[in-house]
Amino acid sequence: MPALRPLLLILALLLAPRWAAADEETDLTAEVEQISRTVIADSQMAAEATVCPTQLMSGRKGSSLLPPMYCRVGNMSVCLAKCQEGTASACYWLAQVLEYKKAPETATAPLFQRACRFGIASGCTNRASRLLSLEASNTAQQRCAAATFVAACDANDPWACTMNAMVLGQGLAGRTDFDAALKSLEKSCNNGQDDPACTYGTRLREDIEARKAAKP
């Protein structure tokens, strides 16, 4: 499947925080490295990051929704403390900031995973998308990612629905199902036509319909 890597790169760019372009900070290395080391050293968070996100999903919704800018550079330590206290959105936005600043996967994965555990389905989706990309030769991890997309789509995360459709449409986890992929895309635009999950999902629908029509 030669198109897989470029496709996942596109998805990674689309999943980047929308406010990232507005962050004009440049001297960020010290704070990012400090927060990354703190997260990596947290043995409980590191252990959580080793399991499939589906094992942590509780069905509850994350409470105390903090604005994205709450976790920007200069407030990252406060944000991490909120995350460790159980505020799902703090975990999610801090993971986004660290990822945008090119922190290591060992720092971002536990944060996305904890956001998932505390009730933000997009945290599950982000973690699963990295597994799909970074663990392409690991069958168990690919199946974990696929199962996570299904569960997060059921929890009404549009990106999960789009990712689920991509997996099913391309058979990335050992199963190709065009009809199920198209059904999943019905929820990709739940956040509006301008949402990246919707715009990419629309293009993906065209590709899947073409594949389905060409099938013998």
C-alpha atoms as a PDB file:
ATOM      1  CA  MET A   1       0.000   0.000   0.000  1.00  0.00           C
ATOM      2  CA  PRO A   2       2.402   2.694  -1.195  1.00  0.00           C
ATOM      3  CA  ALA A   3      -0.007   5.559  -0.503  1.00  0.00           C
ATOM      4  CA  LEU A   4      -0.239   4.827   3.213  1.00  0.00           C
ATOM      5  CA  ARG A   5       2.677   6.913   4.474  1.00  0.00           C
ATOM      6  CA  PRO A   6       1.824  10.123   2.560  1.00  0.00           C
ATOM      7  CA  LEU A   7      -1.804   9.705   3.567  1.00  0.00           C
ATOM      8  CA  LEU A   8      -0.928   9.436   7.243  1.00  0.00           C
ATOM      9  CA  LEU A   9       1.364  12.446   6.924  1.00  0.00           C
ATOM     10  CA  ILE A  10      -1.558  14.464   5.571  1.00  0.00           C
ATOM     11  CA  LEU A  11      -3.701  13.293   8.472  1.00  0.00           C
ATOM     12  CA  ALA A  12      -1.001  14.245  10.975  1.00  0.00           C
ATOM     13  CA  LEU A  13      -0.924  17.746   9.542  1.00  0.00           C
ATOM     14  CA  LEU A  14      -4.690  18.005   9.635  1.00  0.00           C
ATOM     15  CA  LEU A  15      -4.749  16.843  13.254  1.00  0.00           C
ATOM     16  CA  ALA A  16      -2.341  19.618  14.297  1.00  0.00           C
ATOM     17  CA  PRO A  17      -3.898  22.250  16.579  1.00  0.00           C
ATOM     18  CA  ARG A  18      -5.678  24.975  14.611  1.00  0.00           C
ATOM     19  CA  TRP A  19      -4.205  27.696  16.824  1.00  0.00           C
ATOM     20  CA  ALA A  20      -0.613  26.550  16.190  1.00  0.00           C
ATOM     21  CA  ALA A  21       0.032  29.104  13.457  1.00  0.00           C
ATOM     22  CA  ALA A  22      -0.782  31.896  15.885  1.00  0.00           C
ATOM     23  CA  ASP A  23       1.952  30.820  18.302  1.00  0.00           C
ATOM     24  CA  GLU A  24       4.911  32.991  17.427  1.00  0.00           C
ATOM     25  CA  GLU A  25       7.066  31.911  20.365  1.00  0.00           C
ATOM     26  CA  THR A  26      10.496  30.763  19.212  1.00  0.00           C
ATOM     27  CA  ASP A  27      12.709  30.112  22.258  1.00  0.00           C
ATOM     28  CA  LEU A  28      10.768  27.148  23.560  1.00  0.00           C
ATOM     29  CA  THR A  29      13.295  24.392  24.021  1.00  0.00           C
ATOM     30  CA  ALA A  30      13.806  24.617  27.803  1.00  0.00           C
ATOM     31  CA  GLU A  31      10.149  24.508  28.815  1.00  0.00           C
ATOM     32  CA  VAL A  32       9.187  21.856  26.283  1.00  0.00           C
ATOM     33  CA  GLU A  33      12.109  19.672  27.349  1.00  0.00           C
ATOM     34  CA  GLN A  34      11.299  20.131  31.035  1.00  0.00           C
ATOM     35  CA  ILE A  35       7.645  19.178  30.614  1.00  0.00           C
ATOM     36  CA  SER A  36       8.600  16.268  28.358  1.00  0.00           C
ATOM     37  CA  ARG A  37      11.013  14.906  30.957  1.00  0.00           C
ATOM     38  CA  THR A  38       8.377  15.227  33.679  1.00  0.00           C
ATOM     39  CA  VAL A  39       5.787  13.315  31.662  1.00  0.00           C
ATOM     40  CA  ILE A  40       8.251  10.610  30.648  1.00  0.00           C
ATOM     41  CA  ALA A  41       9.314  10.164  34.282  1.00  0.00           C
ATOM     42  CA  ASP A  42       5.712   9.622  35.425  1.00  0.00           C
ATOM     43  CA  SER A  43       5.634   5.819  35.712  1.00  0.00           C
ATOM     44  CA  GLN A  44       1.840   5.617  35.946  1.00  0.00           C
ATOM     45  CA  MET A  45       1.310   7.633  32.777  1.00  0.00           C
ATOM     46  CA  ALA A  46       4.022   5.655  30.980  1.00  0.00           C
ATOM     47  CA  ALA A  47       2.337   2.389  31.950  1.00  0.00           C
ATOM     48  CA  GLU A  48      -1.044   3.641  30.736  1.00  0.00           C
ATOM     49  CA  ALA A  49       0.459   4.492  27.356  1.00  0.00           C
ATOM     50  CA  THR A  50       1.418   0.852  26.733  1.00  0.00           C
ATOM     51  CA  VAL A  51      -2.157  -0.439  26.601  1.00  0.00           C
ATOM     52  CA  CYS A  52      -4.691  -0.139  23.809  1.00  0.00           C
ATOM     53  CA  PRO A  53      -6.823   3.007  24.224  1.00  0.00           C
ATOM     54  CA  THR A  54      -9.977   0.894  24.111  1.00  0.00           C
ATOM     55  CA  GLN A  55      -9.008  -0.568  27.494  1.00  0.00           C
ATOM     56  CA  LEU A  56      -9.116   2.904  29.053  1.00  0.00           C
ATOM     57  CA  MET A  57     -12.258   4.301  27.462  1.00  0.00           C
ATOM     58  CA  SER A  58     -14.924   4.665  30.143  1.00  0.00           C
ATOM     59  CA  GLY A  59     -17.745   6.220  28.158  1.00  0.00           C
ATOM     60  CA  ARG A  60     -17.722   9.358  30.284  1.00  0.00           C
ATOM     61  CA  LYS A  61     -17.168  12.798  28.796  1.00  0.00           C
ATOM     62  CA  GLY A  62     -14.267  14.975  29.875  1.00  0.00           C
ATOM     63  CA  SER A  63     -15.325  17.755  32.239  1.00  0.00           C
ATOM     64  CA  SER A  64     -13.886  21.231  32.832  1.00  0.00           C
ATOM     65  CA  LEU A  65     -13.171  22.028  29.195  1.00  0.00           C
ATOM     66  CA  LEU A  66     -10.203  24.372  29.195  1.00  0.00           C
ATOM     67  CA  PRO A  67      -9.516  26.595  26.164  1.00  0.00           C
ATOM     68  CA  PRO A  68      -6.640  25.482  23.892  1.00  0.00           C
ATOM     69  CA  MET A  69      -4.485  28.484  24.748  1.00  0.00           C
ATOM     70  CA  TYR A  70      -4.529  27.524  28.434  1.00  0.00           C
ATOM     71  CA  CYS A  71      -1.731  25.056  27.757  1.00  0.00           C
ATOM     72  CA  ARG A  72       0.458  27.233  25.568  1.00  0.00           C
ATOM     73  CA  VAL A  73       4.088  27.960  26.328  1.00  0.00           C
ATOM     74  CA  GLY A  74       4.488  29.782  29.629  1.00  0.00           C
ATOM     75  CA  ASN A  75       1.641  27.893  31.299  1.00  0.00           C
ATOM     76  CA  MET A  76       2.621  24.328  30.525  1.00  0.00           C
ATOM     77  CA  SER A  77       3.524  23.369  34.108  1.00  0.00           C
ATOM     78  CA  VAL A  78       0.133  24.542  35.368  1.00  0.00           C
ATOM     79  CA  CYS A  79      -1.528  22.649  32.526  1.00  0.00           C
ATOM     80  CA  LEU A  80       0.366  19.455  33.362  1.00  0.00           C
ATOM     81  CA  ALA A  81      -0.712  19.744  37.006  1.00  0.00           C
ATOM     82  CA  LYS A  82      -4.341  20.019  35.856  1.00  0.00           C
ATOM     83  CA  CYS A  83      -3.854  16.946  33.692  1.00  0.00           C
ATOM     84  CA  GLN A  84      -2.397  14.963  36.571  1.00  0.00           C
ATOM     85  CA  GLU A  85      -5.393  15.998  38.691  1.00  0.00           C
ATOM     86  CA  GLY A  86      -7.743  14.504  36.105  1.00  0.00           C
ATOM     87  CA  THR A  87      -8.695  17.376  33.797  1.00  0.00           C
ATOM     88  CA  ALA A  88      -8.996  15.673  30.417  1.00  0.00           C
ATOM     89  CA  SER A  89      -8.776  18.830  28.299  1.00  0.00           C
ATOM     90  CA  ALA A  90      -5.506  19.820  29.999  1.00  0.00           C
ATOM     91  CA  CYS A  91      -3.984  16.498  28.987  1.00  0.00           C
ATOM     92  CA  TYR A  92      -5.290  16.848  25.440  1.00  0.00           C
ATOM     93  CA  TRP A  93      -4.152  20.418  24.765  1.00  0.00           C
ATOM     94  CA  LEU A  94      -0.770  19.861  26.393  1.00  0.00           C
ATOM     95  CA  ALA A  95      -0.226  16.841  24.164  1.00  0.00           C
ATOM     96  CA  GLN A  96      -1.097  18.987  21.137  1.00  0.00           C
ATOM     97  CA  VAL A  97       1.359  21.702  22.178  1.00  0.00           C
ATOM     98  CA  LEU A  98       4.189  19.250  22.814  1.00  0.00           C
ATOM     99  CA  GLU A  99       3.561  17.467  19.535  1.00  0.00           C
ATOM    100  CA  TYR A 100       3.557  20.747  17.619  1.00  0.00           C
ATOM    101  CA  LYS A 101       6.852  21.654  19.307  1.00  0.00           C
ATOM    102  CA  LYS A 102       8.284  18.283  18.221  1.00  0.00           C
ATOM    103  CA  ALA A 103       8.534  16.722  21.652  1.00  0.00           C
ATOM    104  CA  PRO A 104       9.235  12.966  21.624  1.00  0.00           C
ATOM    105  CA  GLU A 105       6.442  10.448  21.213  1.00  0.00           C
ATOM    106  CA  THR A 106       7.231   9.148  24.699  1.00  0.00           C
ATOM    107  CA  ALA A 107       6.023  12.506  26.036  1.00  0.00           C
ATOM    108  CA  THR A 108       2.950  13.033  23.867  1.00  0.00           C
ATOM    109  CA  ALA A 109       1.580   9.472  23.916  1.00  0.00           C
ATOM    110  CA  PRO A 110       0.913   9.360  27.690  1.00  0.00           C
ATOM    111  CA  LEU A 111      -0.915  12.690  27.506  1.00  0.00           C
ATOM    112  CA  PHE A 112      -3.175  11.687  24.634  1.00  0.00           C
ATOM    113  CA  GLN A 113      -3.773   8.378  26.392  1.00  0.00           C
ATOM    114  CA  ARG A 114      -4.708  10.083  29.656  1.00  0.00           C
ATOM    115  CA  ALA A 115      -7.051  12.463  27.809  1.00  0.00           C
ATOM    116  CA  CYS A 116      -8.639   9.331  26.371  1.00  0.00           C
ATOM    117  CA  ARG A 117      -8.947   7.759  29.813  1.00  0.00           C
ATOM    118  CA  PHE A 118     -10.523  10.884  31.280  1.00  0.00           C
ATOM    119  CA  GLY A 119     -13.200  11.113  28.610  1.00  0.00           C
ATOM    120  CA  ILE A 120     -11.975  12.970  25.497  1.00  0.00           C
ATOM    121  CA  ALA A 121     -12.551  10.662  22.530  1.00  0.00           C
ATOM    122  CA  SER A 122     -10.219  12.738  20.352  1.00  0.00           C
ATOM    123  CA  GLY A 123      -7.401  11.781  22.708  1.00  0.00           C
ATOM    124  CA  CYS A 124      -8.103   8.141  21.863  1.00  0.00           C
ATOM    125  CA  THR A 125      -8.194   8.975  18.161  1.00  0.00           C
ATOM    126  CA  ASN A 126      -4.900  10.837  18.251  1.00  0.00           C
ATOM    127  CA  ARG A 127      -3.184   8.028  20.132  1.00  0.00           C
ATOM    128  CA  ALA A 128      -4.555   5.423  17.720  1.00  0.00           C
ATOM    129  CA  SER A 129      -3.520   7.425  14.665  1.00  0.00           C
ATOM    130  CA  ARG A 130       0.087   7.395  15.911  1.00  0.00           C
ATOM    131  CA  LEU A 131      -0.065   3.644  16.481  1.00  0.00           C
ATOM    132  CA  LEU A 132      -1.347   3.206  12.943  1.00  0.00           C
ATOM    133  CA  SER A 133       1.543   5.236  11.578  1.00  0.00           C
ATOM    134  CA  LEU A 134       4.426   4.219  13.864  1.00  0.00           C
ATOM    135  CA  GLU A 135       3.518   0.555  14.303  1.00  0.00           C
ATOM    136  CA  ALA A 136       2.705  -0.282  10.695  1.00  0.00           C
ATOM    137  CA  SER A 137       4.353  -3.722  10.877  1.00  0.00           C
ATOM    138  CA  ASN A 138       2.752  -4.665  14.210  1.00  0.00           C
ATOM    139  CA  THR A 139      -0.497  -6.507  13.519  1.00  0.00           C
ATOM    140  CA  ALA A 140      -1.729  -6.284  17.102  1.00  0.00           C
ATOM    141  CA  GLN A 141      -1.186  -2.527  17.231  1.00  0.00           C
ATOM    142  CA  GLN A 142      -2.903  -2.050  13.886  1.00  0.00           C
ATOM    143  CA  ARG A 143      -5.932  -3.939  15.158  1.00  0.00           C
ATOM    144  CA  CYS A 144      -5.839  -1.902  18.355  1.00  0.00           C
ATOM    145  CA  ALA A 145      -5.848   1.317  16.327  1.00  0.00           C
ATOM    146  CA  ALA A 146      -8.745   0.077  14.193  1.00  0.00           C
ATOM    147  CA  ALA A 147     -10.780  -0.913  17.258  1.00  0.00           C
ATOM    148  CA  THR A 148     -10.074   2.465  18.852  1.00  0.00           C
ATOM    149  CA  PHE A 149     -11.340   4.336  15.808  1.00  0.00           C
ATOM    150  CA  VAL A 150     -14.568   2.334  15.944  1.00  0.00           C
ATOM    151  CA  ALA A 151     -15.062   3.034  19.647  1.00  0.00           C
ATOM    152  CA  ALA A 152     -14.206   6.740  19.344  1.00  0.00           C
ATOM    153  CA  CYS A 153     -16.500   7.092  16.331  1.00  0.00           C
ATOM    154  CA  ASP A 154     -19.269   5.505  18.407  1.00  0.00           C
ATOM    155  CA  ALA A 155     -18.464   8.234  20.968  1.00  0.00           C
ATOM    156  CA  ASN A 156     -19.119  10.790  18.193  1.00  0.00           C
ATOM    157  CA  ASP A 157     -15.573  11.944  17.457  1.00  0.00           C
ATOM    158  CA  PRO A 158     -15.691  12.948  13.756  1.00  0.00           C
ATOM    159  CA  TRP A 159     -11.967  12.363  13.220  1.00  0.00           C
ATOM    160  CA  ALA A 160     -12.324   8.827  14.517  1.00  0.00           C
ATOM    161  CA  CYS A 161     -15.102   8.227  11.999  1.00  0.00           C
ATOM    162  CA  THR A 162     -12.920   9.517   9.184  1.00  0.00           C
ATOM    163  CA  MET A 163      -9.957   7.431  10.331  1.00  0.00           C
ATOM    164  CA  ASN A 164     -12.176   4.372  10.678  1.00  0.00           C
ATOM    165  CA  ALA A 165     -13.361   4.866   7.113  1.00  0.00           C
ATOM    166  CA  MET A 166      -9.763   5.137   5.904  1.00  0.00           C
ATOM    167  CA  VAL A 167      -8.806   1.901   7.672  1.00  0.00           C
ATOM    168  CA  LEU A 168     -11.818   0.027   6.308  1.00  0.00           C
ATOM    169  CA  GLY A 169     -11.500   1.513   2.832  1.00  0.00           C
ATOM    170  CA  GLN A 170      -7.840   0.550   2.498  1.00  0.00           C
ATOM    171  CA  GLY A 171      -7.886  -2.659   4.504  1.00  0.00           C
ATOM    172  CA  LEU A 172      -5.146  -1.410   6.810  1.00  0.00           C
ATOM    173  CA  ALA A 173      -6.035  -3.735   9.699  1.00  0.00           C
ATOM    174  CA  GLY A 174      -6.700  -6.831   7.612  1.00  0.00           C
ATOM    175  CA  ARG A 175     -10.307  -6.070   6.730  1.00  0.00           C
ATOM    176  CA  THR A 176     -11.728  -4.160   3.768  1.00  0.00           C
ATOM    177  CA  ASP A 177     -15.370  -3.100   3.938  1.00  0.00           C
ATOM    178  CA  PHE A 178     -16.396  -0.289   1.614  1.00  0.00           C
ATOM    179  CA  ASP A 179     -19.981  -0.153   2.832  1.00  0.00           C
ATOM    180  CA  ALA A 180     -18.963   0.097   6.478  1.00  0.00           C
ATOM    181  CA  ALA A 181     -16.403   2.766   5.554  1.00  0.00           C
ATOM    182  CA  LEU A 182     -19.032   4.870   3.806  1.00  0.00           C
ATOM    183  CA  LYS A 183     -21.387   4.411   6.756  1.00  0.00           C
ATOM    184  CA  SER A 184     -18.685   5.667   9.121  1.00  0.00           C
ATOM    185  CA  LEU A 185     -18.223   8.797   7.013  1.00  0.00           C
ATOM    186  CA  GLU A 186     -21.823   9.790   7.724  1.00  0.00           C
ATOM    187  CA  LYS A 187     -20.590  11.145  11.076  1.00  0.00           C
ATOM    188  CA  SER A 188     -17.430  12.858   9.798  1.00  0.00           C
ATOM    189  CA  CYS A 189     -19.184  16.185   9.353  1.00  0.00           C
ATOM    190  CA  ASN A 190     -20.885  16.342  12.753  1.00  0.00           C
ATOM    191  CA  ASN A 191     -18.793  19.404  13.646  1.00  0.00           C
ATOM    192  CA  GLY A 192     -19.626  21.233  10.428  1.00  0.00           C
ATOM    193  CA  GLN A 193     -18.583  21.344   6.799  1.00  0.00           C
ATOM    194  CA  ASP A 194     -15.424  23.341   7.538  1.00  0.00           C
ATOM    195  CA  ASP A 195     -14.075  20.861  10.053  1.00  0.00           C
ATOM    196  CA  PRO A 196     -10.958  19.086   8.667  1.00  0.00           C
ATOM    197  CA  ALA A 197     -12.511  15.724   9.534  1.00  0.00           C
ATOM    198  CA  CYS A 198     -15.334  16.618   7.154  1.00  0.00           C
ATOM    199  CA  THR A 199     -13.255  18.077   4.335  1.00  0.00           C
ATOM    200  CA  TYR A 200     -10.885  15.127   4.328  1.00  0.00           C
ATOM    201  CA  GLY A 201     -13.779  12.722   4.789  1.00  0.00           C
ATOM    202  CA  THR A 202     -15.435  14.144   1.677  1.00  0.00           C
ATOM    203  CA  ARG A 203     -12.331  13.427  -0.388  1.00  0.00           C
ATOM    204  CA  LEU A 204     -12.020  10.020   1.204  1.00  0.00           C
ATOM    205  CA  ARG A 205     -15.632   9.218   0.299  1.00  0.00           C
ATOM    206  CA  GLU A 206     -14.867   9.870  -3.366  1.00  0.00           C
ATOM    207  CA  ASP A 207     -11.866   7.543  -3.197  1.00  0.00           C
ATOM    208  CA  ILE A 208     -13.805   4.769  -1.471  1.00  0.00           C
ATOM    209  CA  GLU A 209     -16.719   5.029  -3.886  1.00  0.00           C
ATOM    210  CA  ALA A 210     -14.265   4.762  -6.777  1.00  0.00           C
ATOM    211  CA  ARG A 211     -12.624   1.707  -5.214  1.00  0.00           C
ATOM    212  CA  LYS A 212     -16.016   0.126  -4.645  1.00  0.00           C
ATOM    213  CA  ALA A 213     -17.095   0.772  -8.248  1.00  0.00           C
ATOM    214  CA  ALA A 214     -13.851  -0.744  -9.575  1.00  0.00           C
ATOM    215  CA  LYS A 215     -14.196  -3.879  -7.463  1.00  0.00           C
ATOM    216  CA  PRO A 216     -14.873  -6.959  -9.656  1.00  0.00           C
END
